């Protein structure tokens, strides 16, 4: 994997980590709309990581 690929994966992982925090906050506040949105976003990121690998 080249530098660009590694950089891209790092960005995706950081986004995943940040979204995890937001997902937990949405869960704790029982905000189902945000919970669904963040869950979908996390699944998209996981898919992109899988494709990159």
Protein backbone atom coordinates (compact mmCIF):
# COMPACT_ATOMS: atom_id res chain seq x y z
CA UNK A 1 0.00 0.00 0.00
CA UNK A 2 1.30 3.44 -0.90
CA UNK A 3 1.43 6.58 1.26
CA UNK A 4 -1.83 7.92 -0.15
CA UNK A 5 -3.63 4.69 0.67
CA UNK A 6 -2.30 4.67 4.20
CA UNK A 7 -3.24 8.33 4.66
CA UNK A 8 -6.74 7.62 3.38
CA UNK A 9 -7.15 4.71 5.80
CA UNK A 10 -5.93 6.87 8.68
CA UNK A 11 -8.54 9.50 7.84
CA UNK A 12 -11.27 6.87 7.69
CA UNK A 13 -10.21 5.41 11.03
CA UNK A 14 -10.22 8.86 12.65
CA UNK A 15 -13.68 9.53 11.26
CA UNK A 16 -14.84 6.18 12.60
CA UNK A 17 -13.46 6.98 16.06
CA UNK A 18 -15.08 10.43 16.11
CA UNK A 19 -18.40 9.02 14.96
CA UNK A 20 -18.24 6.36 17.66
CA UNK A 21 -18.23 9.11 20.28
CA UNK A 22 -21.17 10.84 18.60
CA UNK A 23 -23.02 7.54 18.32
CA UNK A 24 -22.62 6.91 22.04
CA UNK A 25 -23.86 10.42 22.82
CA UNK A 26 -26.91 9.90 20.60
CA UNK A 27 -27.59 6.58 22.31
CA UNK A 28 -27.31 8.08 25.78
CA UNK A 29 -29.64 10.93 24.87
CA UNK A 30 -32.06 8.48 23.23
CA UNK A 31 -31.99 10.42 19.96
CA UNK A 32 -33.02 7.74 17.49
CA UNK A 33 -32.64 9.99 14.43
CA UNK A 34 -29.00 10.81 15.18
CA UNK A 35 -28.36 7.23 16.25
CA UNK A 36 -29.57 5.93 12.88
CA UNK A 37 -27.61 8.55 10.96
CA UNK A 38 -24.33 7.86 12.79
CA UNK A 39 -24.79 4.12 12.54
CA UNK A 40 -25.26 4.40 8.77
CA UNK A 41 -22.21 6.64 8.49
CA UNK A 42 -20.09 4.17 10.46
CA UNK A 43 -21.20 1.33 8.19
CA UNK A 44 -20.22 3.39 5.14
CA UNK A 45 -16.78 4.04 6.59
CA UNK A 46 -16.30 0.37 7.43
CA UNK A 47 -17.22 -0.51 3.85
CA UNK A 48 -14.68 1.99 2.49
CA UNK A 49 -11.98 0.57 4.77
CA UNK A 50 -12.77 -2.91 3.50
CA UNK A 51 -12.58 -1.73 -0.10
CA UNK A 52 -9.26 0.01 0.51
CA UNK A 53 -7.75 -3.11 2.01
